[in-house]
């Protein structure tokens, strides 16, 4: 599938990326590139539900649309990018260069949006 190739390229070009996935806003897995032990499918589907709820709450305080959310964890980070009808989830290693990953994720998000 083309989207998996795009996700693979993101991981190959960013040494800090462990895996990534594309999830419909309703929670359906579209594509992923991640090792099985990462359990990215399960965590991405749950995170999509949290992101949807957060978007509704943020809209009520008139901040505007959310472009992305960065969750910093003890063992690494998760970047969630809103890409039209889907979310792009990127799981990173601890101390990864998040600014580069974020820029690449936004660019890849545009490619994925054009494919969907």
PDB file of N, CA and C in Angstrom:
ATOM      1  N   UNK A   1       0.844  -1.178   0.000  1.00  0.00           N
ATOM      2  CA  UNK A   1       0.000   0.000   0.000  1.00  0.00           C
ATOM      3  C   UNK A   1       0.893   1.247   0.000  1.00  0.00           C
ATOM      4  N   UNK A   2       0.452   2.274  -0.669  1.00  0.00           N
ATOM      5  CA  UNK A   2       1.249   3.483  -0.823  1.00  0.00           C
ATOM      6  C   UNK A   2       1.471   4.192   0.510  1.00  0.00           C
ATOM      7  N   UNK A   3       0.451   4.258   1.352  1.00  0.00           N
ATOM      8  CA  UNK A   3       0.584   4.983   2.620  1.00  0.00           C
ATOM      9  C   UNK A   3       1.631   4.311   3.510  1.00  0.00           C
ATOM     10  N   UNK A   4       1.679   2.974   3.523  1.00  0.00           N
ATOM     11  CA  UNK A   4       2.713   2.288   4.314  1.00  0.00           C
ATOM     12  C   UNK A   4       4.112   2.645   3.827  1.00  0.00           C
ATOM     13  N   UNK A   5       4.276   2.821   2.519  1.00  0.00           N
ATOM     14  CA  UNK A   5       5.579   3.218   1.974  1.00  0.00           C
ATOM     15  C   UNK A   5       5.956   4.621   2.448  1.00  0.00           C
ATOM     16  N   UNK A   6       4.968   5.504   2.531  1.00  0.00           N
ATOM     17  CA  UNK A   6       5.209   6.863   3.023  1.00  0.00           C
ATOM     18  C   UNK A   6       5.632   6.815   4.488  1.00  0.00           C
ATOM     19  N   UNK A   7       4.959   5.964   5.287  1.00  0.00           N
ATOM     20  CA  UNK A   7       5.307   5.828   6.708  1.00  0.00           C
ATOM     21  C   UNK A   7       6.691   5.205   6.883  1.00  0.00           C
ATOM     22  N   UNK A   8       7.008   4.216   6.053  1.00  0.00           N
ATOM     23  CA  UNK A   8       8.335   3.591   6.100  1.00  0.00           C
ATOM     24  C   UNK A   8       9.416   4.625   5.797  1.00  0.00           C
ATOM     25  N   UNK A   9       9.168   5.467   4.812  1.00  0.00           N
ATOM     26  CA  UNK A   9      10.131   6.520   4.460  1.00  0.00           C
ATOM     27  C   UNK A   9      10.346   7.475   5.631  1.00  0.00           C
ATOM     28  N   UNK A  10       9.269   7.819   6.344  1.00  0.00           N
ATOM     29  CA  UNK A  10       9.385   8.686   7.520  1.00  0.00           C
ATOM     30  C   UNK A  10      10.329   8.058   8.546  1.00  0.00           C
ATOM     31  N   UNK A  11      10.168   6.759   8.802  1.00  0.00           N
ATOM     32  CA  UNK A  11      11.017   6.067   9.781  1.00  0.00           C
ATOM     33  C   UNK A  11      12.461   5.975   9.287  1.00  0.00           C
ATOM     34  N   UNK A  12      12.645   5.673   8.025  1.00  0.00           N
ATOM     35  CA  UNK A  12      13.996   5.513   7.483  1.00  0.00           C
ATOM     36  C   UNK A  12      14.771   6.825   7.452  1.00  0.00           C
ATOM     37  N   UNK A  13      14.063   7.937   7.254  1.00  0.00           N
ATOM     38  CA  UNK A  13      14.733   9.233   7.152  1.00  0.00           C
ATOM     39  C   UNK A  13      14.874   9.940   8.491  1.00  0.00           C
ATOM     40  N   UNK A  14      14.280   9.381   9.532  1.00  0.00           N
ATOM     41  CA  UNK A  14      14.364   9.963  10.867  1.00  0.00           C
ATOM     42  C   UNK A  14      14.734   8.864  11.851  1.00  0.00           C
ATOM     43  N   UNK A  15      15.984   8.816  12.229  1.00  0.00           N
ATOM     44  CA  UNK A  15      16.453   7.778  13.141  1.00  0.00           C
ATOM     45  C   UNK A  15      15.735   7.747  14.473  1.00  0.00           C
ATOM     46  N   UNK A  16      15.064   8.829  14.830  1.00  0.00           N
ATOM     47  CA  UNK A  16      14.352   8.878  16.099  1.00  0.00           C
ATOM     48  C   UNK A  16      12.948   8.305  16.044  1.00  0.00           C
ATOM     49  N   UNK A  17      12.445   8.004  14.846  1.00  0.00           N
ATOM     50  CA  UNK A  17      11.092   7.455  14.702  1.00  0.00           C
ATOM     51  C   UNK A  17      11.131   5.939  14.888  1.00  0.00           C
ATOM     52  N   UNK A  18      10.290   5.451  15.793  1.00  0.00           N
ATOM     53  CA  UNK A  18      10.181   4.010  16.037  1.00  0.00           C
ATOM     54  C   UNK A  18       9.098   3.403  15.160  1.00  0.00           C
ATOM     55  N   UNK A  19       8.005   4.118  15.005  1.00  0.00           N
ATOM     56  CA  UNK A  19       6.891   3.620  14.203  1.00  0.00           C
ATOM     57  C   UNK A  19       5.857   4.700  14.023  1.00  0.00           C
ATOM     58  N   UNK A  20       4.913   4.453  13.119  1.00  0.00           N
ATOM     59  CA  UNK A  20       3.860   5.428  12.876  1.00  0.00           C
ATOM     60  C   UNK A  20       2.625   4.717  12.350  1.00  0.00           C
ATOM     61  N   UNK A  21       1.509   5.432  12.417  1.00  0.00           N
ATOM     62  CA  UNK A  21       0.262   4.869  11.915  1.00  0.00           C
ATOM     63  C   UNK A  21      -0.653   5.989  11.454  1.00  0.00           C
ATOM     64  N   UNK A  22      -1.619   5.601  10.627  1.00  0.00           N
ATOM     65  CA  UNK A  22      -2.664   6.508  10.163  1.00  0.00           C
ATOM     66  C   UNK A  22      -3.988   5.886  10.590  1.00  0.00           C
ATOM     67  N   UNK A  23      -4.774   6.675  11.331  1.00  0.00           N
ATOM     68  CA  UNK A  23      -6.033   6.195  11.886  1.00  0.00           C
ATOM     69  C   UNK A  23      -7.154   7.144  11.445  1.00  0.00           C
ATOM     70  N   UNK A  24      -8.270   6.572  10.976  1.00  0.00           N
ATOM     71  CA  UNK A  24      -9.434   7.410  10.700  1.00  0.00           C
ATOM     72  C   UNK A  24      -9.912   8.013  12.008  1.00  0.00           C
ATOM     73  N   UNK A  25     -10.549   9.155  11.939  1.00  0.00           N
ATOM     74  CA  UNK A  25     -11.008   9.824  13.152  1.00  0.00           C
ATOM     75  C   UNK A  25     -12.020   8.987  13.924  1.00  0.00           C
ATOM     76  N   UNK A  26     -12.663   8.045  13.247  1.00  0.00           N
ATOM     77  CA  UNK A  26     -13.584   7.131  13.912  1.00  0.00           C
ATOM     78  C   UNK A  26     -12.890   5.962  14.592  1.00  0.00           C
ATOM     79  N   UNK A  27     -11.566   5.851  14.423  1.00  0.00           N
ATOM     80  CA  UNK A  27     -10.798   4.805  15.098  1.00  0.00           C
ATOM     81  C   UNK A  27     -10.357   3.644  14.225  1.00  0.00           C
ATOM     82  N   UNK A  28     -10.665   3.644  12.933  1.00  0.00           N
ATOM     83  CA  UNK A  28     -10.283   2.559  12.028  1.00  0.00           C
ATOM     84  C   UNK A  28      -8.838   2.722  11.574  1.00  0.00           C
ATOM     85  N   UNK A  29      -8.045   1.646  11.678  1.00  0.00           N
ATOM     86  CA  UNK A  29      -6.648   1.658  11.240  1.00  0.00           C
ATOM     87  C   UNK A  29      -6.585   1.679   9.714  1.00  0.00           C
ATOM     88  N   UNK A  30      -5.904   2.666   9.161  1.00  0.00           N
ATOM     89  CA  UNK A  30      -5.735   2.789   7.717  1.00  0.00           C
ATOM     90  C   UNK A  30      -4.418   2.146   7.294  1.00  0.00           C
ATOM     91  N   UNK A  31      -3.327   2.481   7.996  1.00  0.00           N
ATOM     92  CA  UNK A  31      -1.999   1.966   7.652  1.00  0.00           C
ATOM     93  C   UNK A  31      -1.076   2.127   8.851  1.00  0.00           C
ATOM     94  N   UNK A  32      -0.026   1.295   8.891  1.00  0.00           N
ATOM     95  CA  UNK A  32       0.960   1.461   9.954  1.00  0.00           C
ATOM     96  C   UNK A  32       2.302   0.900   9.519  1.00  0.00           C
ATOM     97  N   UNK A  33       3.336   1.408  10.147  1.00  0.00           N
ATOM     98  CA  UNK A  33       4.705   0.937   9.972  1.00  0.00           C
ATOM     99  C   UNK A  33       5.326   0.936  11.356  1.00  0.00           C
ATOM    100  N   UNK A  34       5.293  -0.225  12.009  1.00  0.00           N
ATOM    101  CA  UNK A  34       5.813  -0.309  13.379  1.00  0.00           C
ATOM    102  C   UNK A  34       6.103  -1.758  13.732  1.00  0.00           C
ATOM    103  N   UNK A  35       7.101  -1.967  14.584  1.00  0.00           N
ATOM    104  CA  UNK A  35       7.355  -3.329  15.048  1.00  0.00           C
ATOM    105  C   UNK A  35       6.206  -3.804  15.931  1.00  0.00           C
ATOM    106  N   UNK A  36       5.902  -5.112  15.924  1.00  0.00           N
ATOM    107  CA  UNK A  36       4.755  -5.626  16.679  1.00  0.00           C
ATOM    108  C   UNK A  36       4.812  -5.327  18.180  1.00  0.00           C
ATOM    109  N   UNK A  37       5.985  -5.331  18.766  1.00  0.00           N
ATOM    110  CA  UNK A  37       6.092  -5.101  20.214  1.00  0.00           C
ATOM    111  C   UNK A  37       5.701  -3.683  20.621  1.00  0.00           C
ATOM    112  N   UNK A  38       5.624  -2.783  19.665  1.00  0.00           N
ATOM    113  CA  UNK A  38       5.243  -1.405  19.959  1.00  0.00           C
ATOM    114  C   UNK A  38       3.743  -1.278  20.235  1.00  0.00           C
ATOM    115  N   UNK A  39       2.949  -2.226  19.714  1.00  0.00           N
ATOM    116  CA  UNK A  39       1.495  -2.204  19.882  1.00  0.00           C
ATOM    117  C   UNK A  39       0.906  -0.857  19.466  1.00  0.00           C
ATOM    118  N   UNK A  40       1.423  -0.318  18.369  1.00  0.00           N
ATOM    119  CA  UNK A  40       1.003   1.015  17.934  1.00  0.00           C
ATOM    120  C   UNK A  40      -0.455   1.045  17.492  1.00  0.00           C
ATOM    121  N   UNK A  41      -0.966  -0.074  16.968  1.00  0.00           N
ATOM    122  CA  UNK A  41      -2.366  -0.081  16.533  1.00  0.00           C
ATOM    123  C   UNK A  41      -3.285   0.178  17.719  1.00  0.00           C
ATOM    124  N   UNK A  42      -3.075  -0.549  18.800  1.00  0.00           N
ATOM    125  CA  UNK A  42      -3.911  -0.401  19.988  1.00  0.00           C
ATOM    126  C   UNK A  42      -3.790   1.005  20.578  1.00  0.00           C
ATOM    127  N   UNK A  43      -2.572   1.482  20.738  1.00  0.00           N
ATOM    128  CA  UNK A  43      -2.381   2.802  21.351  1.00  0.00           C
ATOM    129  C   UNK A  43      -2.875   3.919  20.443  1.00  0.00           C
ATOM    130  N   UNK A  44      -2.745   3.767  19.129  1.00  0.00           N
ATOM    131  CA  UNK A  44      -3.198   4.802  18.192  1.00  0.00           C
ATOM    132  C   UNK A  44      -4.713   4.918  18.176  1.00  0.00           C
ATOM    133  N   UNK A  45      -5.408   3.793  18.205  1.00  0.00           N
ATOM    134  CA  UNK A  45      -6.871   3.815  18.206  1.00  0.00           C
ATOM    135  C   UNK A  45      -7.378   4.478  19.488  1.00  0.00           C
ATOM    136  N   UNK A  46      -6.765   4.158  20.619  1.00  0.00           N
ATOM    137  CA  UNK A  46      -7.162   4.784  21.879  1.00  0.00           C
ATOM    138  C   UNK A  46      -6.837   6.274  21.852  1.00  0.00           C
ATOM    139  N   UNK A  47      -5.685   6.636  21.316  1.00  0.00           N
ATOM    140  CA  UNK A  47      -5.289   8.039  21.251  1.00  0.00           C
ATOM    141  C   UNK A  47      -6.206   8.835  20.321  1.00  0.00           C
ATOM    142  N   UNK A  48      -6.722   8.208  19.271  1.00  0.00           N
ATOM    143  CA  UNK A  48      -7.660   8.896  18.373  1.00  0.00           C
ATOM    144  C   UNK A  48      -8.914   9.312  19.131  1.00  0.00           C
ATOM    145  N   UNK A  49      -9.409   8.438  19.992  1.00  0.00           N
ATOM    146  CA  UNK A  49     -10.590   8.773  20.798  1.00  0.00           C
ATOM    147  C   UNK A  49     -10.285   9.935  21.743  1.00  0.00           C
ATOM    148  N   UNK A  50      -9.103   9.922  22.358  1.00  0.00           N
ATOM    149  CA  UNK A  50      -8.703  11.009  23.259  1.00  0.00           C
ATOM    150  C   UNK A  50      -8.547  12.307  22.474  1.00  0.00           C
ATOM    151  N   UNK A  51      -7.925  12.238  21.316  1.00  0.00           N
ATOM    152  CA  UNK A  51      -7.721  13.427  20.490  1.00  0.00           C
ATOM    153  C   UNK A  51      -9.065  14.027  20.075  1.00  0.00           C
ATOM    154  N   UNK A  52     -10.015  13.173  19.672  1.00  0.00           N
ATOM    155  CA  UNK A  52     -11.345  13.655  19.290  1.00  0.00           C
ATOM    156  C   UNK A  52     -12.005  14.405  20.440  1.00  0.00           C
ATOM    157  N   UNK A  53     -11.923  13.860  21.626  1.00  0.00           N
ATOM    158  CA  UNK A  53     -12.523  14.511  22.795  1.00  0.00           C
ATOM    159  C   UNK A  53     -11.809  15.831  23.088  1.00  0.00           C
ATOM    160  N   UNK A  54     -10.491  15.842  22.999  1.00  0.00           N
ATOM    161  CA  UNK A  54      -9.725  17.052  23.251  1.00  0.00           C
ATOM    162  C   UNK A  54     -10.091  18.146  22.248  1.00  0.00           C
ATOM    163  N   UNK A  55     -10.241  17.781  20.985  1.00  0.00           N
ATOM    164  CA  UNK A  55     -10.607  18.754  19.955  1.00  0.00           C
ATOM    165  C   UNK A  55     -11.936  19.407  20.310  1.00  0.00           C
ATOM    166  N   UNK A  56     -12.906  18.613  20.724  1.00  0.00           N
ATOM    167  CA  UNK A  56     -14.207  19.184  21.102  1.00  0.00           C
ATOM    168  C   UNK A  56     -14.066  20.142  22.279  1.00  0.00           C
ATOM    169  N   UNK A  57     -13.262  19.785  23.267  1.00  0.00           N
ATOM    170  CA  UNK A  57     -13.059  20.659  24.426  1.00  0.00           C
ATOM    171  C   UNK A  57     -12.323  21.941  24.057  1.00  0.00           C
ATOM    172  N   UNK A  58     -11.319  21.845  23.220  1.00  0.00           N
ATOM    173  CA  UNK A  58     -10.545  23.022  22.815  1.00  0.00           C
ATOM    174  C   UNK A  58     -11.409  23.964  21.982  1.00  0.00           C
ATOM    175  N   UNK A  59     -12.270  23.405  21.143  1.00  0.00           N
ATOM    176  CA  UNK A  59     -13.157  24.247  20.338  1.00  0.00           C
ATOM    177  C   UNK A  59     -14.048  25.105  21.230  1.00  0.00           C
ATOM    178  N   UNK A  60     -14.422  24.589  22.384  1.00  0.00           N
ATOM    179  CA  UNK A  60     -15.311  25.334  23.275  1.00  0.00           C
ATOM    180  C   UNK A  60     -14.634  26.550  23.902  1.00  0.00           C
ATOM    181  N   UNK A  61     -13.303  26.578  23.947  1.00  0.00           N
ATOM    182  CA  UNK A  61     -12.596  27.735  24.510  1.00  0.00           C
ATOM    183  C   UNK A  61     -12.039  28.651  23.416  1.00  0.00           C
ATOM    184  N   UNK A  62     -12.442  28.388  22.176  1.00  0.00           N
ATOM    185  CA  UNK A  62     -12.143  29.274  21.039  1.00  0.00           C
ATOM    186  C   UNK A  62     -10.653  29.481  20.774  1.00  0.00           C
ATOM    187  N   UNK A  63      -9.867  28.425  20.894  1.00  0.00           N
ATOM    188  CA  UNK A  63      -8.439  28.493  20.593  1.00  0.00           C
ATOM    189  C   UNK A  63      -8.197  28.327  19.095  1.00  0.00           C
ATOM    190  N   UNK A  64      -9.113  27.686  18.425  1.00  0.00           N
ATOM    191  CA  UNK A  64      -8.948  27.388  17.006  1.00  0.00           C
ATOM    192  C   UNK A  64      -8.624  25.928  16.810  1.00  0.00           C
ATOM    193  N   UNK A  65      -8.401  25.561  15.582  1.00  0.00           N
ATOM    194  CA  UNK A  65      -8.124  24.162  15.254  1.00  0.00           C
ATOM    195  C   UNK A  65      -6.786  23.715  15.828  1.00  0.00           C
ATOM    196  N   UNK A  66      -6.725  22.470  16.242  1.00  0.00           N
ATOM    197  CA  UNK A  66      -5.484  21.880  16.743  1.00  0.00           C
ATOM    198  C   UNK A  66      -4.756  21.254  15.559  1.00  0.00           C
ATOM    199  N   UNK A  67      -3.519  21.651  15.346  1.00  0.00           N
ATOM    200  CA  UNK A  67      -2.715  21.075  14.264  1.00  0.00           C
ATOM    201  C   UNK A  67      -2.067  19.769  14.695  1.00  0.00           C
ATOM    202  N   UNK A  68      -1.557  19.743  15.918  1.00  0.00           N
ATOM    203  CA  UNK A  68      -0.875  18.554  16.423  1.00  0.00           C
ATOM    204  C   UNK A  68      -0.859  18.581  17.944  1.00  0.00           C
ATOM    205  N   UNK A  69      -0.583  17.421  18.500  1.00  0.00           N
ATOM    206  CA  UNK A  69      -0.366  17.284  19.943  1.00  0.00           C
ATOM    207  C   UNK A  69       0.911  16.474  20.116  1.00  0.00           C
ATOM    208  N   UNK A  70       1.752  16.904  21.032  1.00  0.00           N
ATOM    209  CA  UNK A  70       2.965  16.175  21.356  1.00  0.00           C
ATOM    210  C   UNK A  70       2.835  15.671  22.790  1.00  0.00           C
ATOM    211  N   UNK A  71       2.929  14.370  22.946  1.00  0.00           N
ATOM    212  CA  UNK A  71       2.871  13.751  24.264  1.00  0.00           C
ATOM    213  C   UNK A  71       4.282  13.290  24.601  1.00  0.00           C
ATOM    214  N   UNK A  72       4.865  13.893  25.624  1.00  0.00           N
ATOM    215  CA  UNK A  72       6.223  13.531  26.032  1.00  0.00           C
ATOM    216  C   UNK A  72       6.146  12.471  27.117  1.00  0.00           C
ATOM    217  N   UNK A  73       6.835  11.374  26.891  1.00  0.00           N
ATOM    218  CA  UNK A  73       6.829  10.273  27.838  1.00  0.00           C
ATOM    219  C   UNK A  73       8.218   9.971  28.360  1.00  0.00           C
ATOM    220  N   UNK A  74       8.260   9.171  29.358  1.00  0.00           N
ATOM    221  CA  UNK A  74       9.527   8.781  29.990  1.00  0.00           C
ATOM    222  C   UNK A  74      10.431   8.011  29.033  1.00  0.00           C
ATOM    223  N   UNK A  75       9.831   7.208  28.136  1.00  0.00           N
ATOM    224  CA  UNK A  75      10.617   6.368  27.236  1.00  0.00           C
ATOM    225  C   UNK A  75      10.595   6.845  25.789  1.00  0.00           C
ATOM    226  N   UNK A  76       9.914   7.944  25.542  1.00  0.00           N
ATOM    227  CA  UNK A  76       9.810   8.466  24.184  1.00  0.00           C
ATOM    228  C   UNK A  76       8.572   9.330  24.058  1.00  0.00           C
ATOM    229  N   UNK A  77       8.332   9.814  22.871  1.00  0.00           N
ATOM    230  CA  UNK A  77       7.224  10.730  22.643  1.00  0.00           C
ATOM    231  C   UNK A  77       6.254  10.174  21.617  1.00  0.00           C
ATOM    232  N   UNK A  78       5.043  10.733  21.614  1.00  0.00           N
ATOM    233  CA  UNK A  78       4.065  10.436  20.573  1.00  0.00           C
ATOM    234  C   UNK A  78       3.573  11.762  20.019  1.00  0.00           C
ATOM    235  N   UNK A  79       3.683  11.896  18.719  1.00  0.00           N
ATOM    236  CA  UNK A  79       3.214  13.071  18.011  1.00  0.00           C
ATOM    237  C   UNK A  79       1.942  12.677  17.282  1.00  0.00           C
ATOM    238  N   UNK A  80       0.885  13.471  17.450  1.00  0.00           N
ATOM    239  CA  UNK A  80      -0.386  13.240  16.777  1.00  0.00           C
ATOM    240  C   UNK A  80      -0.651  14.451  15.888  1.00  0.00           C
ATOM    241  N   UNK A  81      -0.771  14.213  14.587  1.00  0.00           N
ATOM    242  CA  UNK A  81      -0.984  15.290  13.627  1.00  0.00           C
ATOM    243  C   UNK A  81      -2.356  15.106  12.987  1.00  0.00           C
ATOM    244  N   UNK A  82      -3.156  16.162  12.995  1.00  0.00           N
ATOM    245  CA  UNK A  82      -4.469  16.135  12.353  1.00  0.00           C
ATOM    246  C   UNK A  82      -4.266  16.306  10.856  1.00  0.00           C
ATOM    247  N   UNK A  83      -4.706  15.300  10.077  1.00  0.00           N
ATOM    248  CA  UNK A  83      -4.498  15.292   8.631  1.00  0.00           C
ATOM    249  C   UNK A  83      -5.857  15.141   7.939  1.00  0.00           C
ATOM    250  N   UNK A  84      -6.682  16.139   8.025  1.00  0.00           N
ATOM    251  CA  UNK A  84      -7.987  16.075   7.356  1.00  0.00           C
ATOM    252  C   UNK A  84      -8.913  15.069   8.012  1.00  0.00           C
ATOM    253  N   UNK A  85      -9.181  13.959   7.323  1.00  0.00           N
ATOM    254  CA  UNK A  85     -10.095  12.942   7.834  1.00  0.00           C
ATOM    255  C   UNK A  85      -9.411  11.870   8.666  1.00  0.00           C
ATOM    256  N   UNK A  86      -8.101  11.974   8.820  1.00  0.00           N
ATOM    257  CA  UNK A  86      -7.345  10.976   9.576  1.00  0.00           C
ATOM    258  C   UNK A  86      -6.345  11.665  10.503  1.00  0.00           C
ATOM    259  N   UNK A  87      -5.797  10.862  11.415  1.00  0.00           N
ATOM    260  CA  UNK A  87      -4.708  11.308  12.277  1.00  0.00           C
ATOM    261  C   UNK A  87      -3.456  10.525  11.913  1.00  0.00           C
ATOM    262  N   UNK A  88      -2.329  11.208  11.951  1.00  0.00           N
ATOM    263  CA  UNK A  88      -1.021  10.572  11.790  1.00  0.00           C
ATOM    264  C   UNK A  88      -0.393  10.501  13.171  1.00  0.00           C
ATOM    265  N   UNK A  89      -0.073   9.294  13.615  1.00  0.00           N
ATOM    266  CA  UNK A  89       0.580   9.079  14.906  1.00  0.00           C
ATOM    267  C   UNK A  89       2.029   8.689  14.648  1.00  0.00           C
ATOM    268  N   UNK A  90       2.952   9.353  15.333  1.00  0.00           N
ATOM    269  CA  UNK A  90       4.371   9.046  15.183  1.00  0.00           C
ATOM    270  C   UNK A  90       4.943   8.795  16.564  1.00  0.00           C
ATOM    271  N   UNK A  91       5.500   7.615  16.778  1.00  0.00           N
ATOM    272  CA  UNK A  91       6.113   7.251  18.061  1.00  0.00           C
ATOM    273  C   UNK A  91       7.616   7.412  17.918  1.00  0.00           C
ATOM    274  N   UNK A  92       8.245   8.147  18.840  1.00  0.00           N
ATOM    275  CA  UNK A  92       9.674   8.429  18.736  1.00  0.00           C
ATOM    276  C   UNK A  92      10.454   7.858  19.915  1.00  0.00           C
ATOM    277  N   UNK A  93      11.737   7.753  19.703  1.00  0.00           N
ATOM    278  CA  UNK A  93      12.653   7.384  20.780  1.00  0.00           C
ATOM    279  C   UNK A  93      12.808   8.563  21.724  1.00  0.00           C
ATOM    280  N   UNK A  94      13.238   8.291  22.930  1.00  0.00           N
ATOM    281  CA  UNK A  94      13.544   9.350  23.882  1.00  0.00           C
ATOM    282  C   UNK A  94      14.687  10.196  23.314  1.00  0.00           C
ATOM    283  N   UNK A  95      14.586  11.500  23.474  1.00  0.00           N
ATOM    284  CA  UNK A  95      15.606  12.454  23.032  1.00  0.00           C
ATOM    285  C   UNK A  95      15.771  12.524  21.513  1.00  0.00           C
ATOM    286  N   UNK A  96      14.729  12.145  20.766  1.00  0.00           N
ATOM    287  CA  UNK A  96      14.766  12.281  19.301  1.00  0.00           C
ATOM    288  C   UNK A  96      14.679  13.769  18.953  1.00  0.00           C
ATOM    289  N   UNK A  97      15.126  14.119  17.767  1.00  0.00           N
ATOM    290  CA  UNK A  97      15.048  15.501  17.302  1.00  0.00           C
ATOM    291  C   UNK A  97      13.620  15.766  16.849  1.00  0.00           C
ATOM    292  N   UNK A  98      12.791  16.177  17.784  1.00  0.00           N
ATOM    293  CA  UNK A  98      11.351  16.274  17.541  1.00  0.00           C
ATOM    294  C   UNK A  98      10.996  17.360  16.529  1.00  0.00           C
ATOM    295  N   UNK A  99      11.772  18.432  16.447  1.00  0.00           N
ATOM    296  CA  UNK A  99      11.470  19.509  15.495  1.00  0.00           C
ATOM    297  C   UNK A  99      11.538  19.003  14.060  1.00  0.00           C
ATOM    298  N   UNK A 100      12.558  18.219  13.723  1.00  0.00           N
ATOM    299  CA  UNK A 100      12.675  17.658  12.370  1.00  0.00           C
ATOM    300  C   UNK A 100      11.562  16.661  12.113  1.00  0.00           C
ATOM    301  N   UNK A 101      11.294  15.810  13.085  1.00  0.00           N
ATOM    302  CA  UNK A 101      10.239  14.812  12.932  1.00  0.00           C
ATOM    303  C   UNK A 101       8.891  15.505  12.734  1.00  0.00           C
ATOM    304  N   UNK A 102       8.655  16.560  13.494  1.00  0.00           N
ATOM    305  CA  UNK A 102       7.401  17.285  13.383  1.00  0.00           C
ATOM    306  C   UNK A 102       7.247  17.890  11.985  1.00  0.00           C
ATOM    307  N   UNK A 103       8.305  18.501  11.476  1.00  0.00           N
ATOM    308  CA  UNK A 103       8.257  19.074  10.129  1.00  0.00           C
ATOM    309  C   UNK A 103       8.005  18.011   9.074  1.00  0.00           C
ATOM    310  N   UNK A 104       8.721  16.892   9.182  1.00  0.00           N
ATOM    311  CA  UNK A 104       8.532  15.798   8.228  1.00  0.00           C
ATOM    312  C   UNK A 104       7.132  15.202   8.338  1.00  0.00           C
ATOM    313  N   UNK A 105       6.625  15.077   9.567  1.00  0.00           N
ATOM    314  CA  UNK A 105       5.287  14.516   9.777  1.00  0.00           C
ATOM    315  C   UNK A 105       4.221  15.408   9.143  1.00  0.00           C
ATOM    316  N   UNK A 106       4.381  16.706   9.262  1.00  0.00           N
ATOM    317  CA  UNK A 106       3.412  17.627   8.636  1.00  0.00           C
ATOM    318  C   UNK A 106       3.461  17.503   7.114  1.00  0.00           C
ATOM    319  N   UNK A 107       4.667  17.392   6.548  1.00  0.00           N
ATOM    320  CA  UNK A 107       4.809  17.224   5.098  1.00  0.00           C
ATOM    321  C   UNK A 107       4.187  15.902   4.646  1.00  0.00           C
ATOM    322  N   UNK A 108       4.467  14.838   5.381  1.00  0.00           N
ATOM    323  CA  UNK A 108       3.920  13.530   5.054  1.00  0.00           C
ATOM    324  C   UNK A 108       2.399  13.531   5.223  1.00  0.00           C
ATOM    325  N   UNK A 109       1.930  14.267   6.223  1.00  0.00           N
ATOM    326  CA  UNK A 109       0.489  14.393   6.422  1.00  0.00           C
ATOM    327  C   UNK A 109      -0.203  14.941   5.185  1.00  0.00           C
ATOM    328  N   UNK A 110       0.422  15.921   4.535  1.00  0.00           N
ATOM    329  CA  UNK A 110      -0.150  16.483   3.306  1.00  0.00           C
ATOM    330  C   UNK A 110      -0.197  15.435   2.191  1.00  0.00           C
ATOM    331  N   UNK A 111       0.845  14.602   2.098  1.00  0.00           N
ATOM    332  CA  UNK A 111       0.865  13.533   1.093  1.00  0.00           C
ATOM    333  C   UNK A 111      -0.238  12.517   1.378  1.00  0.00           C
ATOM    334  N   UNK A 112      -0.386  12.167   2.657  1.00  0.00           N
ATOM    335  CA  UNK A 112      -1.414  11.187   3.026  1.00  0.00           C
ATOM    336  C   UNK A 112      -2.797  11.750   2.747  1.00  0.00           C
ATOM    337  N   UNK A 113      -3.003  13.000   3.070  1.00  0.00           N
ATOM    338  CA  UNK A 113      -4.308  13.625   2.818  1.00  0.00           C
ATOM    339  C   UNK A 113      -4.644  13.589   1.324  1.00  0.00           C
ATOM    340  N   UNK A 114      -3.654  13.790   0.477  1.00  0.00           N
ATOM    341  CA  UNK A 114      -3.880  13.749  -0.978  1.00  0.00           C
ATOM    342  C   UNK A 114      -4.195  12.329  -1.454  1.00  0.00           C
ATOM    343  N   UNK A 115      -3.662  11.316  -0.750  1.00  0.00           N
ATOM    344  CA  UNK A 115      -3.889   9.928  -1.135  1.00  0.00           C
ATOM    345  C   UNK A 115      -5.246   9.388  -0.699  1.00  0.00           C
ATOM    346  N   UNK A 116      -5.792  10.004   0.354  1.00  0.00           N
ATOM    347  CA  UNK A 116      -7.033   9.455   0.931  1.00  0.00           C
ATOM    348  C   UNK A 116      -8.251  10.044   0.300  1.00  0.00           C
TER     349      UNK A 116
END
